Amino acid sequence: MATIIGRILATVIVVALALCTFAKLAPIGLLQVLVVCFGWALAYFGDELAPLLGVTTTSSTYQYVERVVRGIGWFLLLVVLALYIARVIRLR
């Protein structure tokens, strides 16, 4: 259940930032949208994209690699979201 909620939340964040950027409403650049999309892919698919990061999994390390890859994805999502919020309220 937590995975489904996480996937939905990650998708909402990506769609909101991408729509605001392409509608010229957001002060974030195209590079940040690409970082958000990469973070979304890691947060959404998790272990399936681990080879992109150079991480291989075995049956005993699957549960740990899944958490680390999803954590990296969420970190990227939240960093770009924080930059967006900081620019909107004119902190940066």
N, C-alpha and C. Protein backbone atom coordinates (compact mmCIF):
# COMPACT_ATOMS: atom_id res chain seq x y z
N MET A 1 0.81 -1.19 0.00
CA MET A 1 0.00 0.00 0.00
C MET A 1 0.87 1.26 0.00
N ALA A 2 1.97 1.25 0.75
CA ALA A 2 2.86 2.41 0.80
C ALA A 2 3.51 2.64 -0.55
N THR A 3 3.79 1.58 -1.28
CA THR A 3 4.39 1.72 -2.60
C THR A 3 3.42 2.40 -3.56
N ILE A 4 2.17 2.05 -3.50
CA ILE A 4 1.17 2.65 -4.39
C ILE A 4 1.01 4.14 -4.06
N ILE A 5 0.95 4.47 -2.79
CA ILE A 5 0.82 5.87 -2.38
C ILE A 5 2.06 6.64 -2.80
N GLY A 6 3.22 6.06 -2.62
CA GLY A 6 4.46 6.71 -3.05
C GLY A 6 4.51 6.94 -4.54
N ARG A 7 4.05 5.97 -5.32
CA ARG A 7 4.03 6.13 -6.78
C ARG A 7 3.06 7.22 -7.20
N ILE A 8 1.90 7.27 -6.57
CA ILE A 8 0.92 8.31 -6.90
C ILE A 8 1.45 9.69 -6.53
N LEU A 9 2.04 9.82 -5.36
CA LEU A 9 2.58 11.10 -4.92
C LEU A 9 3.73 11.56 -5.81
N ALA A 10 4.62 10.64 -6.18
CA ALA A 10 5.72 10.99 -7.08
C ALA A 10 5.20 11.45 -8.43
N THR A 11 4.18 10.79 -8.94
CA THR A 11 3.61 11.16 -10.23
C THR A 11 2.94 12.53 -10.16
N VAL A 12 2.26 12.83 -9.07
CA VAL A 12 1.62 14.13 -8.91
C VAL A 12 2.67 15.25 -8.88
N ILE A 13 3.76 15.03 -8.17
CA ILE A 13 4.82 16.03 -8.10
C ILE A 13 5.42 16.29 -9.47
N VAL A 14 5.70 15.23 -10.21
CA VAL A 14 6.31 15.38 -11.54
C VAL A 14 5.36 16.08 -12.50
N VAL A 15 4.11 15.68 -12.51
CA VAL A 15 3.14 16.29 -13.43
C VAL A 15 2.95 17.77 -13.09
N ALA A 16 2.86 18.10 -11.82
CA ALA A 16 2.66 19.50 -11.42
C ALA A 16 3.85 20.36 -11.83
N LEU A 17 5.06 19.88 -11.57
CA LEU A 17 6.24 20.66 -11.93
C LEU A 17 6.41 20.76 -13.44
N ALA A 18 6.14 19.69 -14.15
CA ALA A 18 6.29 19.71 -15.61
C ALA A 18 5.25 20.62 -16.25
N LEU A 19 4.01 20.56 -15.80
CA LEU A 19 2.98 21.42 -16.37
C LEU A 19 3.27 22.90 -16.10
N CYS A 20 3.70 23.20 -14.90
CA CYS A 20 4.03 24.59 -14.58
C CYS A 20 5.22 25.08 -15.41
N THR A 21 6.17 24.23 -15.67
CA THR A 21 7.33 24.62 -16.45
C THR A 21 6.97 24.84 -17.90
N PHE A 22 6.22 23.93 -18.48
CA PHE A 22 5.88 24.05 -19.89
C PHE A 22 4.84 25.14 -20.14
N ALA A 23 4.08 25.52 -19.14
CA ALA A 23 3.11 26.61 -19.27
C ALA A 23 3.75 27.95 -18.92
N LYS A 24 5.06 27.93 -18.65
CA LYS A 24 5.82 29.14 -18.29
C LYS A 24 5.31 29.79 -17.00
N LEU A 25 4.78 28.98 -16.10
CA LEU A 25 4.31 29.49 -14.82
C LEU A 25 5.33 29.25 -13.71
N ALA A 26 6.27 28.36 -13.94
CA ALA A 26 7.23 28.00 -12.90
C ALA A 26 8.60 28.57 -13.23
N PRO A 27 9.31 28.99 -12.22
CA PRO A 27 10.65 29.52 -12.45
C PRO A 27 11.74 28.45 -12.44
N ILE A 28 11.39 27.23 -12.82
CA ILE A 28 12.41 26.18 -12.87
C ILE A 28 12.71 25.89 -14.33
N GLY A 29 13.92 25.45 -14.57
CA GLY A 29 14.36 25.23 -15.94
C GLY A 29 14.12 23.82 -16.43
N LEU A 30 14.42 23.65 -17.69
CA LEU A 30 14.22 22.36 -18.33
C LEU A 30 15.14 21.29 -17.73
N LEU A 31 16.34 21.68 -17.33
CA LEU A 31 17.26 20.72 -16.72
C LEU A 31 16.69 20.17 -15.42
N GLN A 32 16.03 21.02 -14.65
CA GLN A 32 15.43 20.56 -13.41
C GLN A 32 14.26 19.63 -13.69
N VAL A 33 13.55 19.86 -14.76
CA VAL A 33 12.46 18.95 -15.12
C VAL A 33 13.03 17.58 -15.49
N LEU A 34 14.16 17.56 -16.16
CA LEU A 34 14.80 16.28 -16.48
C LEU A 34 15.27 15.56 -15.22
N VAL A 35 15.79 16.30 -14.26
CA VAL A 35 16.20 15.69 -12.98
C VAL A 35 14.98 15.14 -12.25
N VAL A 36 13.87 15.88 -12.31
CA VAL A 36 12.63 15.41 -11.67
C VAL A 36 12.15 14.13 -12.35
N CYS A 37 12.22 14.08 -13.66
CA CYS A 37 11.78 12.87 -14.38
C CYS A 37 12.66 11.68 -14.04
N PHE A 38 13.96 11.91 -13.93
CA PHE A 38 14.87 10.82 -13.54
C PHE A 38 14.58 10.38 -12.10
N GLY A 39 14.37 11.33 -11.21
CA GLY A 39 14.02 11.00 -9.83
C GLY A 39 12.70 10.25 -9.75
N TRP A 40 11.73 10.67 -10.57
CA TRP A 40 10.45 9.97 -10.61
C TRP A 40 10.64 8.53 -11.06
N ALA A 41 11.43 8.33 -12.09
CA ALA A 41 11.65 6.97 -12.59
C ALA A 41 12.28 6.09 -11.51
N LEU A 42 13.24 6.64 -10.78
CA LEU A 42 13.86 5.86 -9.70
C LEU A 42 12.86 5.60 -8.57
N ALA A 43 12.08 6.62 -8.21
CA ALA A 43 11.12 6.45 -7.12
C ALA A 43 9.97 5.53 -7.52
N TYR A 44 9.60 5.54 -8.79
CA TYR A 44 8.46 4.75 -9.25
C TYR A 44 8.84 3.30 -9.49
N PHE A 45 9.93 3.07 -10.20
CA PHE A 45 10.29 1.71 -10.60
C PHE A 45 11.26 1.04 -9.64
N GLY A 46 12.03 1.80 -8.90
CA GLY A 46 12.92 1.24 -7.88
C GLY A 46 13.95 0.28 -8.40
N ASP A 47 13.85 -0.96 -7.99
CA ASP A 47 14.87 -1.97 -8.27
C ASP A 47 15.03 -2.27 -9.76
N GLU A 48 14.02 -2.03 -10.54
CA GLU A 48 14.11 -2.32 -11.97
C GLU A 48 15.12 -1.40 -12.66
N LEU A 49 15.37 -0.22 -12.10
CA LEU A 49 16.31 0.72 -12.68
C LEU A 49 17.65 0.74 -11.95
N ALA A 50 17.85 -0.16 -11.04
CA ALA A 50 19.11 -0.21 -10.29
C ALA A 50 20.33 -0.37 -11.19
N PRO A 51 20.27 -1.14 -12.29
CA PRO A 51 21.44 -1.23 -13.16
C PRO A 51 21.86 0.10 -13.77
N LEU A 52 20.96 1.07 -13.90
CA LEU A 52 21.33 2.40 -14.39
C LEU A 52 22.29 3.10 -13.44
N LEU A 53 22.17 2.78 -12.17
CA LEU A 53 23.05 3.36 -11.16
C LEU A 53 24.28 2.50 -10.92
N GLY A 54 24.39 1.39 -11.64
CA GLY A 54 25.53 0.49 -11.48
C GLY A 54 25.38 -0.45 -10.30
N VAL A 55 24.17 -0.66 -9.83
CA VAL A 55 23.91 -1.53 -8.68
C VAL A 55 23.29 -2.83 -9.18
N THR A 56 23.87 -3.92 -8.77
CA THR A 56 23.30 -5.22 -9.11
C THR A 56 22.65 -5.81 -7.87
N THR A 57 21.60 -6.58 -8.08
CA THR A 57 20.89 -7.15 -6.95
C THR A 57 20.97 -8.66 -6.99
N THR A 58 20.91 -9.22 -5.82
CA THR A 58 20.79 -10.67 -5.66
C THR A 58 19.54 -10.92 -4.83
N SER A 59 19.23 -12.16 -4.64
CA SER A 59 18.03 -12.47 -3.87
C SER A 59 18.14 -12.02 -2.41
N SER A 60 19.35 -11.93 -1.89
CA SER A 60 19.51 -11.52 -0.49
C SER A 60 19.60 -10.00 -0.32
N THR A 61 19.95 -9.29 -1.37
CA THR A 61 20.09 -7.83 -1.25
C THR A 61 18.93 -7.07 -1.88
N TYR A 62 17.94 -7.77 -2.39
CA TYR A 62 16.84 -7.12 -3.09
C TYR A 62 16.13 -6.08 -2.23
N GLN A 63 15.80 -6.42 -0.99
CA GLN A 63 15.04 -5.51 -0.15
C GLN A 63 15.81 -4.24 0.19
N TYR A 64 17.13 -4.33 0.26
CA TYR A 64 17.92 -3.15 0.59
C TYR A 64 18.15 -2.26 -0.63
N VAL A 65 18.42 -2.88 -1.76
CA VAL A 65 18.65 -2.11 -2.98
C VAL A 65 17.38 -1.37 -3.38
N GLU A 66 16.25 -2.00 -3.24
CA GLU A 66 14.97 -1.36 -3.57
C GLU A 66 14.80 -0.08 -2.77
N ARG A 67 15.07 -0.12 -1.47
CA ARG A 67 14.91 1.06 -0.62
C ARG A 67 15.91 2.16 -0.98
N VAL A 68 17.13 1.78 -1.27
CA VAL A 68 18.16 2.77 -1.60
C VAL A 68 17.83 3.47 -2.92
N VAL A 69 17.45 2.72 -3.93
CA VAL A 69 17.14 3.31 -5.23
C VAL A 69 15.91 4.21 -5.13
N ARG A 70 14.89 3.77 -4.45
CA ARG A 70 13.71 4.62 -4.27
C ARG A 70 14.06 5.85 -3.43
N GLY A 71 14.93 5.70 -2.46
CA GLY A 71 15.37 6.84 -1.65
C GLY A 71 16.12 7.88 -2.47
N ILE A 72 16.96 7.44 -3.38
CA ILE A 72 17.67 8.37 -4.26
C ILE A 72 16.67 9.11 -5.14
N GLY A 73 15.70 8.39 -5.66
CA GLY A 73 14.67 9.02 -6.48
C GLY A 73 13.89 10.07 -5.71
N TRP A 74 13.47 9.74 -4.49
CA TRP A 74 12.73 10.70 -3.68
C TRP A 74 13.61 11.88 -3.29
N PHE A 75 14.88 11.65 -3.05
CA PHE A 75 15.79 12.75 -2.75
C PHE A 75 15.84 13.74 -3.91
N LEU A 76 15.99 13.24 -5.13
CA LEU A 76 16.02 14.12 -6.30
C LEU A 76 14.71 14.88 -6.45
N LEU A 77 13.59 14.19 -6.26
CA LEU A 77 12.29 14.85 -6.36
C LEU A 77 12.15 15.97 -5.33
N LEU A 78 12.52 15.69 -4.11
CA LEU A 78 12.33 16.67 -3.05
C LEU A 78 13.31 17.84 -3.16
N VAL A 79 14.51 17.61 -3.67
CA VAL A 79 15.46 18.71 -3.86
C VAL A 79 14.93 19.69 -4.90
N VAL A 80 14.46 19.18 -6.02
CA VAL A 80 13.93 20.08 -7.05
C VAL A 80 12.65 20.76 -6.57
N LEU A 81 11.81 20.05 -5.85
CA LEU A 81 10.60 20.66 -5.31
C LEU A 81 10.95 21.78 -4.32
N ALA A 82 11.96 21.56 -3.49
CA ALA A 82 12.40 22.59 -2.55
C ALA A 82 12.95 23.80 -3.28
N LEU A 83 13.71 23.58 -4.36
CA LEU A 83 14.21 24.71 -5.16
C LEU A 83 13.06 25.48 -5.78
N TYR A 84 12.06 24.79 -6.25
CA TYR A 84 10.89 25.44 -6.83
C TYR A 84 10.17 26.29 -5.78
N ILE A 85 9.95 25.73 -4.62
CA ILE A 85 9.26 26.46 -3.55
C ILE A 85 10.08 27.67 -3.12
N ALA A 86 11.41 27.51 -3.02
CA ALA A 86 12.27 28.64 -2.64
C ALA A 86 12.21 29.76 -3.67
N ARG A 87 12.15 29.42 -4.94
CA ARG A 87 12.06 30.45 -5.97
C ARG A 87 10.70 31.12 -5.99
N VAL A 88 9.65 30.36 -5.70
CA VAL A 88 8.30 30.94 -5.70
C VAL A 88 8.16 31.96 -4.57
N ILE A 89 8.69 31.64 -3.40
CA ILE A 89 8.58 32.59 -2.30
C ILE A 89 9.78 33.53 -2.23
N ARG A 90 10.58 33.52 -3.29
CA ARG A 90 11.69 34.45 -3.51
C ARG A 90 12.78 34.37 -2.46
N LEU A 91 13.09 33.16 -2.01
CA LEU A 91 14.24 32.99 -1.12
C LEU A 91 15.53 32.87 -1.91
N ARG A 92 15.41 32.45 -3.13
CA ARG A 92 16.62 32.26 -3.95
C ARG A 92 16.49 33.00 -5.23
